[in-house]
């Protein structure tokens, strides 16, 4: 089941990638061990091909990723502190795991009255 995930405000659009200002919740999902600074300085660069075709990508607008286009080896680049130093980030960490067939809870053990 594919759906769109909003990740932040578009900073700029290139021919093959989109730069997005992301907040702490996105940074913590991508690199939980990072000491994150504050909203508005972290930039995530994502390939244009994973952006949702249902939402227009434009500077200043929310950027949505199509989860159906993200695989386990899809990568972007993350600049946590806004310094221009980008490091690879696995975009699959942004996709929540949804199990369409959840396992039933184990049967409860009832007390024996005999």
PDB file of N, CA and C in Angstrom:
ATOM      1  N   UNK A   1       0.845  -1.166   0.000  1.00  0.00           N
ATOM      2  CA  UNK A   1       0.000   0.000   0.000  1.00  0.00           C
ATOM      3  C   UNK A   1       0.894   1.234   0.000  1.00  0.00           C
ATOM      4  N   UNK A   2       0.807   2.044  -1.026  1.00  0.00           N
ATOM      5  CA  UNK A   2       1.616   3.248  -1.140  1.00  0.00           C
ATOM      6  C   UNK A   2       0.802   4.471  -0.721  1.00  0.00           C
ATOM      7  N   UNK A   3       1.472   5.401  -0.082  1.00  0.00           N
ATOM      8  CA  UNK A   3       0.845   6.650   0.325  1.00  0.00           C
ATOM      9  C   UNK A   3       1.921   7.726   0.333  1.00  0.00           C
ATOM     10  N   UNK A   4       1.517   8.961   0.519  1.00  0.00           N
ATOM     11  CA  UNK A   4       2.456  10.075   0.514  1.00  0.00           C
ATOM     12  C   UNK A   4       2.809  10.482   1.937  1.00  0.00           C
ATOM     13  N   UNK A   5       4.082  10.877   2.110  1.00  0.00           N
ATOM     14  CA  UNK A   5       4.574  11.337   3.404  1.00  0.00           C
ATOM     15  C   UNK A   5       5.139  12.734   3.222  1.00  0.00           C
ATOM     16  N   UNK A   6       4.614  13.701   3.975  1.00  0.00           N
ATOM     17  CA  UNK A   6       5.141  15.063   3.943  1.00  0.00           C
ATOM     18  C   UNK A   6       6.411  15.133   4.781  1.00  0.00           C
ATOM     19  N   UNK A   7       7.470  15.742   4.226  1.00  0.00           N
ATOM     20  CA  UNK A   7       8.740  15.760   4.960  1.00  0.00           C
ATOM     21  C   UNK A   7       9.240  17.157   5.295  1.00  0.00           C
ATOM     22  N   UNK A   8       8.702  18.197   4.693  1.00  0.00           N
ATOM     23  CA  UNK A   8       9.153  19.545   5.009  1.00  0.00           C
ATOM     24  C   UNK A   8       8.928  20.504   3.859  1.00  0.00           C
ATOM     25  N   UNK A   9       9.459  21.714   4.025  1.00  0.00           N
ATOM     26  CA  UNK A   9       9.264  22.784   3.039  1.00  0.00           C
ATOM     27  C   UNK A   9      10.386  22.767   2.006  1.00  0.00           C
ATOM     28  N   UNK A  10      10.002  22.874   0.747  1.00  0.00           N
ATOM     29  CA  UNK A  10      10.955  22.858  -0.361  1.00  0.00           C
ATOM     30  C   UNK A  10      11.823  24.113  -0.326  1.00  0.00           C
ATOM     31  N   UNK A  11      13.131  23.905  -0.362  1.00  0.00           N
ATOM     32  CA  UNK A  11      14.079  25.013  -0.414  1.00  0.00           C
ATOM     33  C   UNK A  11      14.432  25.349  -1.851  1.00  0.00           C
ATOM     34  N   UNK A  12      14.713  24.299  -2.643  1.00  0.00           N
ATOM     35  CA  UNK A  12      15.035  24.503  -4.056  1.00  0.00           C
ATOM     36  C   UNK A  12      14.807  23.210  -4.825  1.00  0.00           C
ATOM     37  N   UNK A  13      14.641  23.366  -6.150  1.00  0.00           N
ATOM     38  CA  UNK A  13      14.403  22.221  -7.029  1.00  0.00           C
ATOM     39  C   UNK A  13      15.452  22.233  -8.128  1.00  0.00           C
ATOM     40  N   UNK A  14      16.165  21.110  -8.267  1.00  0.00           N
ATOM     41  CA  UNK A  14      17.096  20.919  -9.375  1.00  0.00           C
ATOM     42  C   UNK A  14      16.486  19.890 -10.320  1.00  0.00           C
ATOM     43  N   UNK A  15      17.179  19.600 -11.401  1.00  0.00           N
ATOM     44  CA  UNK A  15      16.633  18.657 -12.378  1.00  0.00           C
ATOM     45  C   UNK A  15      16.501  17.238 -11.822  1.00  0.00           C
ATOM     46  N   UNK A  16      17.419  16.831 -10.947  1.00  0.00           N
ATOM     47  CA  UNK A  16      17.384  15.456 -10.451  1.00  0.00           C
ATOM     48  C   UNK A  16      17.197  15.336  -8.942  1.00  0.00           C
ATOM     49  N   UNK A  17      17.092  16.456  -8.227  1.00  0.00           N
ATOM     50  CA  UNK A  17      16.923  16.397  -6.773  1.00  0.00           C
ATOM     51  C   UNK A  17      16.142  17.606  -6.262  1.00  0.00           C
ATOM     52  N   UNK A  18      15.686  17.457  -5.019  1.00  0.00           N
ATOM     53  CA  UNK A  18      14.930  18.514  -4.354  1.00  0.00           C
ATOM     54  C   UNK A  18      15.554  18.717  -2.977  1.00  0.00           C
ATOM     55  N   UNK A  19      15.852  19.972  -2.624  1.00  0.00           N
ATOM     56  CA  UNK A  19      16.356  20.298  -1.292  1.00  0.00           C
ATOM     57  C   UNK A  19      15.179  20.697  -0.419  1.00  0.00           C
ATOM     58  N   UNK A  20      15.100  20.080   0.770  1.00  0.00           N
ATOM     59  CA  UNK A  20      13.960  20.278   1.658  1.00  0.00           C
ATOM     60  C   UNK A  20      14.451  20.676   3.047  1.00  0.00           C
ATOM     61  N   UNK A  21      13.884  21.752   3.613  1.00  0.00           N
ATOM     62  CA  UNK A  21      14.141  22.078   5.009  1.00  0.00           C
ATOM     63  C   UNK A  21      13.318  21.121   5.845  1.00  0.00           C
ATOM     64  N   UNK A  22      13.973  20.389   6.737  1.00  0.00           N
ATOM     65  CA  UNK A  22      13.283  19.401   7.566  1.00  0.00           C
ATOM     66  C   UNK A  22      13.413  19.776   9.035  1.00  0.00           C
ATOM     67  N   UNK A  23      12.453  19.307   9.830  1.00  0.00           N
ATOM     68  CA  UNK A  23      12.494  19.593  11.254  1.00  0.00           C
ATOM     69  C   UNK A  23      13.094  18.420  12.027  1.00  0.00           C
ATOM     70  N   UNK A  24      13.101  18.540  13.337  1.00  0.00           N
ATOM     71  CA  UNK A  24      13.739  17.549  14.200  1.00  0.00           C
ATOM     72  C   UNK A  24      13.169  16.156  14.109  1.00  0.00           C
ATOM     73  N   UNK A  25      11.872  16.034  13.854  1.00  0.00           N
ATOM     74  CA  UNK A  25      11.281  14.697  13.784  1.00  0.00           C
ATOM     75  C   UNK A  25      11.846  13.902  12.612  1.00  0.00           C
ATOM     76  N   UNK A  26      12.095  14.571  11.496  1.00  0.00           N
ATOM     77  CA  UNK A  26      12.679  13.896  10.333  1.00  0.00           C
ATOM     78  C   UNK A  26      14.145  13.580  10.587  1.00  0.00           C
ATOM     79  N   UNK A  27      14.875  14.520  11.158  1.00  0.00           N
ATOM     80  CA  UNK A  27      16.296  14.304  11.451  1.00  0.00           C
ATOM     81  C   UNK A  27      16.463  13.132  12.411  1.00  0.00           C
ATOM     82  N   UNK A  28      15.641  13.064  13.450  1.00  0.00           N
ATOM     83  CA  UNK A  28      15.744  11.968  14.422  1.00  0.00           C
ATOM     84  C   UNK A  28      15.439  10.613  13.802  1.00  0.00           C
ATOM     85  N   UNK A  29      14.546  10.568  12.813  1.00  0.00           N
ATOM     86  CA  UNK A  29      14.259   9.292  12.140  1.00  0.00           C
ATOM     87  C   UNK A  29      15.445   8.839  11.295  1.00  0.00           C
ATOM     88  N   UNK A  30      16.099   9.795  10.632  1.00  0.00           N
ATOM     89  CA  UNK A  30      17.197   9.448   9.736  1.00  0.00           C
ATOM     90  C   UNK A  30      18.492   9.147  10.491  1.00  0.00           C
ATOM     91  N   UNK A  31      18.798   9.937  11.498  1.00  0.00           N
ATOM     92  CA  UNK A  31      20.029   9.754  12.284  1.00  0.00           C
ATOM     93  C   UNK A  31      19.726  10.013  13.758  1.00  0.00           C
ATOM     94  N   UNK A  32      19.190   8.997  14.444  1.00  0.00           N
ATOM     95  CA  UNK A  32      18.762   9.192  15.833  1.00  0.00           C
ATOM     96  C   UNK A  32      19.888   9.587  16.786  1.00  0.00           C
ATOM     97  N   UNK A  33      21.127   9.251  16.461  1.00  0.00           N
ATOM     98  CA  UNK A  33      22.250   9.552  17.357  1.00  0.00           C
ATOM     99  C   UNK A  33      22.791  10.969  17.194  1.00  0.00           C
ATOM    100  N   UNK A  34      22.293  11.715  16.227  1.00  0.00           N
ATOM    101  CA  UNK A  34      22.795  13.058  15.953  1.00  0.00           C
ATOM    102  C   UNK A  34      22.261  14.066  16.951  1.00  0.00           C
ATOM    103  N   UNK A  35      23.140  14.970  17.361  1.00  0.00           N
ATOM    104  CA  UNK A  35      22.720  16.090  18.206  1.00  0.00           C
ATOM    105  C   UNK A  35      22.125  17.139  17.282  1.00  0.00           C
ATOM    106  N   UNK A  36      20.826  17.222  17.274  1.00  0.00           N
ATOM    107  CA  UNK A  36      20.126  18.097  16.359  1.00  0.00           C
ATOM    108  C   UNK A  36      20.053  19.498  16.939  1.00  0.00           C
ATOM    109  N   UNK A  37      20.168  20.515  16.095  1.00  0.00           N
ATOM    110  CA  UNK A  37      20.235  21.902  16.545  1.00  0.00           C
ATOM    111  C   UNK A  37      18.862  22.540  16.725  1.00  0.00           C
ATOM    112  N   UNK A  38      18.227  22.941  15.629  1.00  0.00           N
ATOM    113  CA  UNK A  38      16.915  23.598  15.722  1.00  0.00           C
ATOM    114  C   UNK A  38      16.205  23.534  14.365  1.00  0.00           C
ATOM    115  N   UNK A  39      14.900  23.753  14.388  1.00  0.00           N
ATOM    116  CA  UNK A  39      14.109  23.754  13.148  1.00  0.00           C
ATOM    117  C   UNK A  39      14.600  24.817  12.181  1.00  0.00           C
ATOM    118  N   UNK A  40      14.526  24.489  10.888  1.00  0.00           N
ATOM    119  CA  UNK A  40      14.826  25.472   9.858  1.00  0.00           C
ATOM    120  C   UNK A  40      16.248  25.494   9.353  1.00  0.00           C
ATOM    121  N   UNK A  41      17.149  24.670   9.928  1.00  0.00           N
ATOM    122  CA  UNK A  41      18.526  24.691   9.437  1.00  0.00           C
ATOM    123  C   UNK A  41      18.932  23.385   8.766  1.00  0.00           C
ATOM    124  N   UNK A  42      18.246  22.290   9.069  1.00  0.00           N
ATOM    125  CA  UNK A  42      18.600  20.995   8.482  1.00  0.00           C
ATOM    126  C   UNK A  42      18.005  20.882   7.083  1.00  0.00           C
ATOM    127  N   UNK A  43      18.835  20.384   6.147  1.00  0.00           N
ATOM    128  CA  UNK A  43      18.410  20.254   4.753  1.00  0.00           C
ATOM    129  C   UNK A  43      18.554  18.795   4.324  1.00  0.00           C
ATOM    130  N   UNK A  44      17.502  18.255   3.741  1.00  0.00           N
ATOM    131  CA  UNK A  44      17.521  16.910   3.189  1.00  0.00           C
ATOM    132  C   UNK A  44      17.395  17.025   1.682  1.00  0.00           C
ATOM    133  N   UNK A  45      18.328  16.427   0.982  1.00  0.00           N
ATOM    134  CA  UNK A  45      18.300  16.423  -0.485  1.00  0.00           C
ATOM    135  C   UNK A  45      17.793  15.054  -0.921  1.00  0.00           C
ATOM    136  N   UNK A  46      16.649  15.035  -1.632  1.00  0.00           N
ATOM    137  CA  UNK A  46      16.039  13.782  -2.062  1.00  0.00           C
ATOM    138  C   UNK A  46      16.004  13.717  -3.583  1.00  0.00           C
ATOM    139  N   UNK A  47      16.096  12.510  -4.143  1.00  0.00           N
ATOM    140  CA  UNK A  47      15.971  12.384  -5.596  1.00  0.00           C
ATOM    141  C   UNK A  47      14.560  12.782  -6.044  1.00  0.00           C
ATOM    142  N   UNK A  48      14.469  13.484  -7.147  1.00  0.00           N
ATOM    143  CA  UNK A  48      13.169  13.919  -7.668  1.00  0.00           C
ATOM    144  C   UNK A  48      12.250  12.742  -7.966  1.00  0.00           C
ATOM    145  N   UNK A  49      12.826  11.607  -8.323  1.00  0.00           N
ATOM    146  CA  UNK A  49      12.024  10.451  -8.726  1.00  0.00           C
ATOM    147  C   UNK A  49      11.195   9.858  -7.592  1.00  0.00           C
ATOM    148  N   UNK A  50      11.498  10.173  -6.316  1.00  0.00           N
ATOM    149  CA  UNK A  50      10.702   9.631  -5.210  1.00  0.00           C
ATOM    150  C   UNK A  50       9.646  10.623  -4.715  1.00  0.00           C
ATOM    151  N   UNK A  51       9.612  11.817  -5.304  1.00  0.00           N
ATOM    152  CA  UNK A  51       8.585  12.794  -4.934  1.00  0.00           C
ATOM    153  C   UNK A  51       7.240  12.352  -5.493  1.00  0.00           C
ATOM    154  N   UNK A  52       6.201  12.637  -4.743  1.00  0.00           N
ATOM    155  CA  UNK A  52       4.862  12.216  -5.137  1.00  0.00           C
ATOM    156  C   UNK A  52       4.405  12.917  -6.405  1.00  0.00           C
ATOM    157  N   UNK A  53       3.909  12.155  -7.377  1.00  0.00           N
ATOM    158  CA  UNK A  53       3.364  12.783  -8.584  1.00  0.00           C
ATOM    159  C   UNK A  53       2.021  13.466  -8.328  1.00  0.00           C
ATOM    160  N   UNK A  54       1.397  13.197  -7.178  1.00  0.00           N
ATOM    161  CA  UNK A  54       0.105  13.791  -6.846  1.00  0.00           C
ATOM    162  C   UNK A  54       0.222  15.196  -6.260  1.00  0.00           C
ATOM    163  N   UNK A  55       1.444  15.588  -5.894  1.00  0.00           N
ATOM    164  CA  UNK A  55       1.671  16.913  -5.303  1.00  0.00           C
ATOM    165  C   UNK A  55       2.757  17.635  -6.089  1.00  0.00           C
ATOM    166  N   UNK A  56       2.492  18.864  -6.433  1.00  0.00           N
ATOM    167  CA  UNK A  56       3.449  19.673  -7.192  1.00  0.00           C
ATOM    168  C   UNK A  56       4.620  20.057  -6.290  1.00  0.00           C
ATOM    169  N   UNK A  57       5.846  19.931  -6.805  1.00  0.00           N
ATOM    170  CA  UNK A  57       7.042  20.332  -6.066  1.00  0.00           C
ATOM    171  C   UNK A  57       7.393  21.752  -6.478  1.00  0.00           C
ATOM    172  N   UNK A  58       7.394  22.655  -5.493  1.00  0.00           N
ATOM    173  CA  UNK A  58       7.714  24.055  -5.765  1.00  0.00           C
ATOM    174  C   UNK A  58       8.357  24.661  -4.530  1.00  0.00           C
ATOM    175  N   UNK A  59       9.271  25.587  -4.732  1.00  0.00           N
ATOM    176  CA  UNK A  59       9.955  26.258  -3.624  1.00  0.00           C
ATOM    177  C   UNK A  59       8.930  26.890  -2.686  1.00  0.00           C
ATOM    178  N   UNK A  60       9.130  26.659  -1.392  1.00  0.00           N
ATOM    179  CA  UNK A  60       8.235  27.207  -0.389  1.00  0.00           C
ATOM    180  C   UNK A  60       7.036  26.343  -0.063  1.00  0.00           C
ATOM    181  N   UNK A  61       6.816  25.269  -0.817  1.00  0.00           N
ATOM    182  CA  UNK A  61       5.672  24.374  -0.602  1.00  0.00           C
ATOM    183  C   UNK A  61       6.128  23.091   0.101  1.00  0.00           C
ATOM    184  N   UNK A  62       5.177  22.395   0.716  1.00  0.00           N
ATOM    185  CA  UNK A  62       5.461  21.112   1.362  1.00  0.00           C
ATOM    186  C   UNK A  62       5.879  20.089   0.312  1.00  0.00           C
ATOM    187  N   UNK A  63       6.871  19.268   0.649  1.00  0.00           N
ATOM    188  CA  UNK A  63       7.338  18.208  -0.250  1.00  0.00           C
ATOM    189  C   UNK A  63       6.812  16.878   0.276  1.00  0.00           C
ATOM    190  N   UNK A  64       6.213  16.110  -0.621  1.00  0.00           N
ATOM    191  CA  UNK A  64       5.670  14.804  -0.284  1.00  0.00           C
ATOM    192  C   UNK A  64       6.440  13.728  -1.039  1.00  0.00           C
ATOM    193  N   UNK A  65       6.786  12.658  -0.330  1.00  0.00           N
ATOM    194  CA  UNK A  65       7.422  11.500  -0.960  1.00  0.00           C
ATOM    195  C   UNK A  65       6.383  10.409  -1.139  1.00  0.00           C
ATOM    196  N   UNK A  66       6.471   9.687  -2.239  1.00  0.00           N
ATOM    197  CA  UNK A  66       5.592   8.559  -2.518  1.00  0.00           C
ATOM    198  C   UNK A  66       6.263   7.322  -1.930  1.00  0.00           C
ATOM    199  N   UNK A  67       5.679   6.735  -0.906  1.00  0.00           N
ATOM    200  CA  UNK A  67       6.307   5.598  -0.230  1.00  0.00           C
ATOM    201  C   UNK A  67       6.444   4.384  -1.140  1.00  0.00           C
ATOM    202  N   UNK A  68       5.632   4.295  -2.169  1.00  0.00           N
ATOM    203  CA  UNK A  68       5.727   3.188  -3.115  1.00  0.00           C
ATOM    204  C   UNK A  68       6.971   3.265  -3.983  1.00  0.00           C
ATOM    205  N   UNK A  69       7.583   4.446  -4.063  1.00  0.00           N
ATOM    206  CA  UNK A  69       8.786   4.632  -4.876  1.00  0.00           C
ATOM    207  C   UNK A  69      10.076   4.502  -4.068  1.00  0.00           C
ATOM    208  N   UNK A  70       9.952   4.398  -2.750  1.00  0.00           N
ATOM    209  CA  UNK A  70      11.128   4.302  -1.883  1.00  0.00           C
ATOM    210  C   UNK A  70      11.418   2.840  -1.596  1.00  0.00           C
ATOM    211  N   UNK A  71      12.642   2.428  -1.896  1.00  0.00           N
ATOM    212  CA  UNK A  71      13.082   1.062  -1.611  1.00  0.00           C
ATOM    213  C   UNK A  71      14.046   1.089  -0.427  1.00  0.00           C
ATOM    214  N   UNK A  72      14.480  -0.079  -0.016  1.00  0.00           N
ATOM    215  CA  UNK A  72      15.389  -0.159   1.137  1.00  0.00           C
ATOM    216  C   UNK A  72      16.756   0.462   0.852  1.00  0.00           C
ATOM    217  N   UNK A  73      17.107   0.614  -0.419  1.00  0.00           N
ATOM    218  CA  UNK A  73      18.414   1.207  -0.725  1.00  0.00           C
ATOM    219  C   UNK A  73      18.316   2.599  -1.361  1.00  0.00           C
ATOM    220  N   UNK A  74      17.157   3.254  -1.255  1.00  0.00           N
ATOM    221  CA  UNK A  74      17.006   4.621  -1.751  1.00  0.00           C
ATOM    222  C   UNK A  74      17.680   5.561  -0.758  1.00  0.00           C
ATOM    223  N   UNK A  75      18.584   6.392  -1.257  1.00  0.00           N
ATOM    224  CA  UNK A  75      19.304   7.305  -0.364  1.00  0.00           C
ATOM    225  C   UNK A  75      19.104   8.754  -0.772  1.00  0.00           C
ATOM    226  N   UNK A  76      19.224   9.595   0.218  1.00  0.00           N
ATOM    227  CA  UNK A  76      19.247  11.038   0.031  1.00  0.00           C
ATOM    228  C   UNK A  76      20.489  11.554   0.719  1.00  0.00           C
ATOM    229  N   UNK A  77      20.589  12.855   0.844  1.00  0.00           N
ATOM    230  CA  UNK A  77      21.722  13.458   1.535  1.00  0.00           C
ATOM    231  C   UNK A  77      21.178  14.410   2.585  1.00  0.00           C
ATOM    232  N   UNK A  78      21.761  14.356   3.793  1.00  0.00           N
ATOM    233  CA  UNK A  78      21.290  15.168   4.907  1.00  0.00           C
ATOM    234  C   UNK A  78      22.393  16.072   5.416  1.00  0.00           C
ATOM    235  N   UNK A  79      22.065  17.355   5.554  1.00  0.00           N
ATOM    236  CA  UNK A  79      22.937  18.357   6.161  1.00  0.00           C
ATOM    237  C   UNK A  79      22.244  18.765   7.455  1.00  0.00           C
ATOM    238  N   UNK A  80      22.685  18.210   8.571  1.00  0.00           N
ATOM    239  CA  UNK A  80      21.998  18.408   9.846  1.00  0.00           C
ATOM    240  C   UNK A  80      22.096  19.843  10.345  1.00  0.00           C
ATOM    241  N   UNK A  81      23.285  20.422  10.302  1.00  0.00           N
ATOM    242  CA  UNK A  81      23.462  21.743  10.914  1.00  0.00           C
ATOM    243  C   UNK A  81      23.498  22.904   9.923  1.00  0.00           C
ATOM    244  N   UNK A  82      23.167  22.663   8.668  1.00  0.00           N
ATOM    245  CA  UNK A  82      23.094  23.739   7.688  1.00  0.00           C
ATOM    246  C   UNK A  82      24.435  24.276   7.228  1.00  0.00           C
ATOM    247  N   UNK A  83      25.489  23.500   7.422  1.00  0.00           N
ATOM    248  CA  UNK A  83      26.841  23.954   7.073  1.00  0.00           C
ATOM    249  C   UNK A  83      27.224  23.653   5.635  1.00  0.00           C
ATOM    250  N   UNK A  84      26.421  22.864   4.934  1.00  0.00           N
ATOM    251  CA  UNK A  84      26.757  22.472   3.574  1.00  0.00           C
ATOM    252  C   UNK A  84      27.445  21.122   3.500  1.00  0.00           C
ATOM    253  N   UNK A  85      27.673  20.479   4.654  1.00  0.00           N
ATOM    254  CA  UNK A  85      28.283  19.152   4.699  1.00  0.00           C
ATOM    255  C   UNK A  85      27.165  18.107   4.694  1.00  0.00           C
ATOM    256  N   UNK A  86      27.012  17.434   3.556  1.00  0.00           N
ATOM    257  CA  UNK A  86      25.953  16.447   3.401  1.00  0.00           C
ATOM    258  C   UNK A  86      26.495  15.046   3.649  1.00  0.00           C
ATOM    259  N   UNK A  87      25.686  14.216   4.305  1.00  0.00           N
ATOM    260  CA  UNK A  87      26.009  12.810   4.528  1.00  0.00           C
ATOM    261  C   UNK A  87      24.843  11.980   3.997  1.00  0.00           C
ATOM    262  N   UNK A  88      25.138  10.769   3.549  1.00  0.00           N
ATOM    263  CA  UNK A  88      24.084   9.894   3.020  1.00  0.00           C
ATOM    264  C   UNK A  88      23.077   9.559   4.111  1.00  0.00           C
ATOM    265  N   UNK A  89      21.816   9.448   3.693  1.00  0.00           N
ATOM    266  CA  UNK A  89      20.732   9.094   4.604  1.00  0.00           C
ATOM    267  C   UNK A  89      19.795   8.140   3.887  1.00  0.00           C
ATOM    268  N   UNK A  90      19.450   7.038   4.545  1.00  0.00           N
ATOM    269  CA  UNK A  90      18.525   6.063   3.967  1.00  0.00           C
ATOM    270  C   UNK A  90      17.093   6.575   4.095  1.00  0.00           C
ATOM    271  N   UNK A  91      16.460   6.823   2.977  1.00  0.00           N
ATOM    272  CA  UNK A  91      15.102   7.370   2.986  1.00  0.00           C
ATOM    273  C   UNK A  91      14.060   6.356   3.443  1.00  0.00           C
ATOM    274  N   UNK A  92      14.401   5.081   3.415  1.00  0.00           N
ATOM    275  CA  UNK A  92      13.449   4.061   3.863  1.00  0.00           C
ATOM    276  C   UNK A  92      13.128   4.219   5.354  1.00  0.00           C
ATOM    277  N   UNK A  93      13.980   4.923   6.102  1.00  0.00           N
ATOM    278  CA  UNK A  93      13.713   5.152   7.522  1.00  0.00           C
ATOM    279  C   UNK A  93      12.548   6.118   7.740  1.00  0.00           C
ATOM    280  N   UNK A  94      12.155   6.843   6.691  1.00  0.00           N
ATOM    281  CA  UNK A  94      11.032   7.769   6.790  1.00  0.00           C
ATOM    282  C   UNK A  94       9.691   7.087   6.574  1.00  0.00           C
ATOM    283  N   UNK A  95       9.725   5.872   6.038  1.00  0.00           N
ATOM    284  CA  UNK A  95       8.490   5.152   5.714  1.00  0.00           C
ATOM    285  C   UNK A  95       8.091   4.302   6.911  1.00  0.00           C
ATOM    286  N   UNK A  96       6.924   4.602   7.497  1.00  0.00           N
ATOM    287  CA  UNK A  96       6.485   3.789   8.623  1.00  0.00           C
ATOM    288  C   UNK A  96       6.202   2.363   8.179  1.00  0.00           C
ATOM    289  N   UNK A  97       6.505   1.424   9.037  1.00  0.00           N
ATOM    290  CA  UNK A  97       6.247   0.022   8.740  1.00  0.00           C
ATOM    291  C   UNK A  97       4.795  -0.282   9.053  1.00  0.00           C
ATOM    292  N   UNK A  98       4.077  -0.693   8.037  1.00  0.00           N
ATOM    293  CA  UNK A  98       2.676  -1.045   8.214  1.00  0.00           C
ATOM    294  C   UNK A  98       2.517  -2.491   7.794  1.00  0.00           C
ATOM    295  N   UNK A  99       2.090  -3.309   8.719  1.00  0.00           N
ATOM    296  CA  UNK A  99       1.874  -4.716   8.439  1.00  0.00           C
ATOM    297  C   UNK A  99       0.405  -4.908   8.088  1.00  0.00           C
ATOM    298  N   UNK A 100       0.077  -5.222   6.803  1.00  0.00           N
ATOM    299  CA  UNK A 100      -1.322  -5.348   6.409  1.00  0.00           C
ATOM    300  C   UNK A 100      -2.015  -6.542   7.060  1.00  0.00           C
ATOM    301  N   UNK A 101      -1.272  -7.522   7.530  1.00  0.00           N
ATOM    302  CA  UNK A 101      -1.866  -8.671   8.199  1.00  0.00           C
ATOM    303  C   UNK A 101      -1.239  -8.805   9.586  1.00  0.00           C
ATOM    304  N   UNK A 102      -1.720  -8.044  10.544  1.00  0.00           N
ATOM    305  CA  UNK A 102      -1.137  -8.124  11.878  1.00  0.00           C
ATOM    306  C   UNK A 102      -1.376  -9.490  12.505  1.00  0.00           C
ATOM    307  N   UNK A 103      -0.445  -9.905  13.322  1.00  0.00           N
ATOM    308  CA  UNK A 103      -0.594 -11.192  13.986  1.00  0.00           C
ATOM    309  C   UNK A 103      -1.575 -11.031  15.141  1.00  0.00           C
ATOM    310  N   UNK A 104      -2.463 -12.006  15.318  1.00  0.00           N
ATOM    311  CA  UNK A 104      -3.430 -11.908  16.409  1.00  0.00           C
ATOM    312  C   UNK A 104      -2.719 -12.044  17.754  1.00  0.00           C
ATOM    313  N   UNK A 105      -3.287 -11.457  18.791  1.00  0.00           N
ATOM    314  CA  UNK A 105      -2.665 -11.596  20.110  1.00  0.00           C
ATOM    315  C   UNK A 105      -2.711 -13.048  20.560  1.00  0.00           C
ATOM    316  N   UNK A 106      -1.777 -13.440  21.405  1.00  0.00           N
ATOM    317  CA  UNK A 106      -1.800 -14.832  21.872  1.00  0.00           C
ATOM    318  C   UNK A 106      -3.058 -15.072  22.701  1.00  0.00           C
ATOM    319  N   UNK A 107      -3.578 -16.322  22.691  1.00  0.00           N
ATOM    320  CA  UNK A 107      -4.788 -16.606  23.459  1.00  0.00           C
ATOM    321  C   UNK A 107      -4.521 -16.413  24.949  1.00  0.00           C
ATOM    322  N   UNK A 108      -5.505 -15.872  25.640  1.00  0.00           N
ATOM    323  CA  UNK A 108      -5.339 -15.654  27.077  1.00  0.00           C
ATOM    324  C   UNK A 108      -5.482 -16.979  27.801  1.00  0.00           C
ATOM    325  N   UNK A 109      -4.783 -17.080  28.893  1.00  0.00           N
ATOM    326  CA  UNK A 109      -4.858 -18.298  29.692  1.00  0.00           C
ATOM    327  C   UNK A 109      -5.898 -18.077  30.772  1.00  0.00           C
ATOM    328  N   UNK A 110      -6.954 -18.833  30.690  1.00  0.00           N
ATOM    329  CA  UNK A 110      -8.013 -18.702  31.677  1.00  0.00           C
ATOM    330  C   UNK A 110      -7.719 -19.615  32.854  1.00  0.00           C
ATOM    331  N   UNK A 111      -8.146 -19.163  34.012  1.00  0.00           N
ATOM    332  CA  UNK A 111      -7.938 -19.976  35.218  1.00  0.00           C
ATOM    333  C   UNK A 111      -8.818 -21.221  35.157  1.00  0.00           C
ATOM    334  N   UNK A 112      -8.267 -22.324  35.564  1.00  0.00           N
ATOM    335  CA  UNK A 112      -9.027 -23.572  35.588  1.00  0.00           C
ATOM    336  C   UNK A 112      -9.814 -23.643  36.889  1.00  0.00           C
ATOM    337  N   UNK A 113     -11.118 -23.869  36.756  1.00  0.00           N
ATOM    338  CA  UNK A 113     -11.977 -23.928  37.944  1.00  0.00           C
ATOM    339  C   UNK A 113     -12.248 -25.364  38.374  1.00  0.00           C
ATOM    340  N   UNK A 114     -11.607 -26.325  37.762  1.00  0.00           N
ATOM    341  CA  UNK A 114     -11.860 -27.732  38.143  1.00  0.00           C
ATOM    342  C   UNK A 114     -10.849 -28.241  39.086  1.00  0.00           C
TER     343      UNK A 114
END
